[in-house]
Amino acid sequence: MSTVAVTRFIEAHAVDVWCLLTDLPGRAARLTAAGPIEVLTPGPFGPGTAWREERAQPGGGTLTEEFLVVEALAPHRLVLCSSGAGVDYRITWSLRPVRRRRRGCTAVTVTHEAVPTAPYGRVVALLLGGLAARAVEVALGRDLADLAVAAGAGSVEAA
């Protein structure tokens, strides 16, 4: 299993960050790597909500991914899963309110776990593990930066 975690402080209240994370129709406009979004389930956002989106890949091209909400504990924790070729992904967004400069701020940590489900998934993880982890770290950092911009306030990288 490969795990990558990235944290960023976003100068907005956790409820506002949560609203940005769970607004699927606005997702493509907010995240630079996300393309068209197709919501696959009717009803309000919560466990069982599924969607498909195109994601820009480093070096060009796009990849279509499907996400399923496994857990949604507003405004603190959002857990998504996505299946890939020979690997299952679990993406956990954790939002923790903090006080910075006497203002409301949210520490947002996104953790990406990859679990090989087929023999070739294990081989690929062995051969490309470090390179793939770095690409995931860059993508998560970009999504967090986009989220900070959408929150309408400056943010600071976590140390």
Protein backbone atom coordinates (compact mmCIF):
# COMPACT_ATOMS: atom_id res chain seq x y z
CA MET A 1 0.00 0.00 0.00
CA SER A 2 1.18 3.50 -0.84
CA THR A 3 0.07 6.52 1.19
CA VAL A 4 0.60 10.21 0.42
CA ALA A 5 -0.68 13.03 2.65
CA VAL A 6 -0.59 16.78 2.04
CA THR A 7 -1.75 19.53 4.43
CA ARG A 8 -2.52 23.16 3.75
CA PHE A 9 -3.92 25.91 5.95
CA ILE A 10 -6.84 27.67 4.26
CA GLU A 11 -7.98 30.95 5.72
CA ALA A 12 -11.67 30.14 5.71
CA HIS A 13 -14.01 28.44 8.15
CA ALA A 14 -14.33 24.66 7.91
CA VAL A 15 -18.01 24.96 6.93
CA ASP A 16 -17.08 27.13 3.93
CA VAL A 17 -14.30 24.74 2.86
CA TRP A 18 -16.72 21.82 3.24
CA CYS A 19 -19.23 23.55 0.97
CA LEU A 20 -16.55 23.97 -1.69
CA LEU A 21 -15.50 20.31 -1.41
CA THR A 22 -19.02 18.98 -1.73
CA ASP A 23 -20.29 21.29 -4.49
CA LEU A 24 -20.00 18.87 -7.41
CA PRO A 25 -21.48 21.18 -10.09
CA GLY A 26 -18.83 23.82 -9.25
CA ARG A 27 -15.94 21.34 -8.98
CA ALA A 28 -14.70 21.57 -12.57
CA ALA A 29 -14.59 25.37 -12.45
CA ARG A 30 -12.74 25.32 -9.12
CA LEU A 31 -10.07 22.63 -9.66
CA THR A 32 -7.65 23.29 -12.51
CA ALA A 33 -7.00 19.56 -13.05
CA ALA A 34 -10.69 18.60 -13.12
CA GLY A 35 -12.62 18.53 -16.34
CA PRO A 36 -16.28 17.84 -16.96
CA ILE A 37 -18.17 16.32 -14.01
CA GLU A 38 -21.02 13.85 -14.45
CA VAL A 39 -22.99 13.17 -11.25
CA LEU A 40 -24.08 9.52 -11.33
CA THR A 41 -26.49 9.47 -8.39
CA PRO A 42 -29.53 11.65 -7.63
CA GLY A 43 -30.17 13.40 -4.35
CA PRO A 44 -28.15 15.35 -1.82
CA PHE A 45 -24.41 14.91 -1.33
CA GLY A 46 -23.54 12.18 1.17
CA PRO A 47 -22.54 8.52 1.47
CA GLY A 48 -23.43 6.78 -1.78
CA THR A 49 -23.00 9.89 -3.95
CA ALA A 50 -21.00 8.99 -7.06
CA TRP A 51 -19.58 11.03 -9.91
CA ARG A 52 -17.26 10.74 -12.88
CA GLU A 53 -14.73 13.39 -13.80
CA GLU A 54 -11.89 13.89 -16.21
CA ARG A 55 -8.55 14.76 -14.64
CA ALA A 56 -5.64 16.36 -16.46
CA GLN A 57 -2.49 14.26 -16.27
CA PRO A 58 1.07 15.52 -15.87
CA GLY A 59 2.65 15.62 -19.30
CA GLY A 60 -0.70 15.96 -21.08
CA GLY A 61 -3.73 13.85 -21.66
CA THR A 62 -6.69 13.14 -19.41
CA LEU A 63 -7.86 10.27 -17.26
CA THR A 64 -11.50 9.59 -16.41
CA GLU A 65 -12.07 8.65 -12.78
CA GLU A 66 -15.16 7.66 -10.83
CA PHE A 67 -15.50 8.61 -7.18
CA LEU A 68 -17.88 7.27 -4.54
CA VAL A 69 -18.52 8.97 -1.19
CA VAL A 70 -17.93 6.40 1.55
CA GLU A 71 -18.18 8.75 4.53
CA ALA A 72 -19.28 12.37 4.88
CA LEU A 73 -19.09 13.90 8.34
CA ALA A 74 -19.73 17.60 7.73
CA PRO A 75 -17.65 19.72 8.10
CA HIS A 76 -14.83 17.51 9.35
CA ARG A 77 -14.21 14.42 7.22
CA LEU A 78 -14.90 13.26 3.68
CA VAL A 79 -13.83 9.82 2.47
CA LEU A 80 -13.95 8.87 -1.20
CA CYS A 81 -13.03 5.67 -2.99
CA SER A 82 -12.11 5.10 -6.61
CA SER A 83 -11.12 1.93 -8.44
CA GLY A 84 -8.34 1.88 -10.98
CA ALA A 85 -6.61 -0.72 -13.10
CA GLY A 86 -5.24 -3.17 -10.54
CA VAL A 87 -5.50 -0.75 -7.61
CA ASP A 88 -8.16 0.74 -5.34
CA TYR A 89 -7.81 4.30 -4.07
CA ARG A 90 -9.10 5.84 -0.85
CA ILE A 91 -8.99 9.64 -0.57
CA THR A 92 -9.65 11.16 2.86
CA TRP A 93 -10.18 14.88 3.37
CA SER A 94 -9.82 15.99 7.00
CA LEU A 95 -10.79 19.53 8.00
CA ARG A 96 -9.65 20.86 11.37
CA PRO A 97 -10.56 24.38 12.52
CA VAL A 98 -7.59 26.38 13.82
CA ARG A 99 -7.03 29.99 14.83
CA ARG A 100 -4.42 31.91 12.85
CA ARG A 101 -3.83 35.61 13.13
CA ARG A 102 -7.02 35.90 15.18
CA ARG A 103 -9.10 34.66 12.26
CA GLY A 104 -10.85 31.43 11.45
CA CYS A 105 -8.70 29.06 9.47
CA THR A 106 -8.92 25.41 8.49
CA ALA A 107 -6.10 22.89 8.36
CA VAL A 108 -7.03 20.67 5.42
CA THR A 109 -5.24 17.34 5.07
CA VAL A 110 -5.90 15.11 2.10
CA THR A 111 -4.59 11.55 2.31
CA HIS A 112 -4.40 9.33 -0.76
CA GLU A 113 -4.02 5.59 -0.20
CA ALA A 114 -3.43 3.14 -3.05
CA VAL A 115 -4.03 -0.56 -2.43
CA PRO A 116 -3.03 -2.98 -5.22
CA THR A 117 -5.85 -5.42 -6.01
CA ALA A 118 -4.19 -7.43 -8.78
CA PRO A 119 -0.70 -8.89 -9.22
CA TYR A 120 0.21 -6.40 -11.96
CA GLY A 121 -0.88 -3.57 -9.64
CA ARG A 122 1.74 -4.75 -7.14
CA VAL A 123 4.43 -4.91 -9.83
CA VAL A 124 3.62 -1.41 -11.08
CA ALA A 125 3.64 -0.12 -7.49
CA LEU A 126 7.08 -1.66 -6.96
CA LEU A 127 8.52 -0.24 -10.19
CA LEU A 128 6.90 3.18 -10.15
CA GLY A 129 6.01 3.67 -6.47
CA GLY A 130 8.23 6.68 -5.77
CA LEU A 131 7.45 8.39 -9.07
CA ALA A 132 3.71 7.77 -8.67
CA ALA A 133 3.77 9.02 -5.07
CA ARG A 134 5.45 12.25 -6.16
CA ALA A 135 2.88 12.77 -8.95
CA VAL A 136 0.04 12.20 -6.46
CA GLU A 137 1.62 14.63 -4.00
CA VAL A 138 1.83 17.31 -6.69
CA ALA A 139 -1.79 16.70 -7.75
CA LEU A 140 -3.07 16.86 -4.17
CA GLY A 141 -1.10 20.05 -3.55
CA ARG A 142 -2.58 21.59 -6.69
CA ASP A 143 -6.12 20.66 -5.60
CA LEU A 144 -5.51 22.20 -2.16
CA ALA A 145 -4.10 25.38 -3.72
CA ASP A 146 -7.17 25.60 -5.97
CA LEU A 147 -9.42 25.10 -2.95
CA ALA A 148 -7.61 27.92 -1.12
CA VAL A 149 -8.14 30.25 -4.08
CA ALA A 150 -11.81 29.28 -4.25
CA ALA A 151 -12.16 30.02 -0.54
CA GLY A 152 -11.30 33.59 -1.49
CA ALA A 153 -8.55 34.03 1.04
CA GLY A 154 -4.81 33.59 1.17
CA SER A 155 -3.46 30.36 2.51
CA VAL A 156 -0.16 29.13 3.84
CA GLU A 157 1.57 25.82 3.10
CA ALA A 158 1.81 23.58 6.14
CA ALA A 159 5.30 23.07 7.49
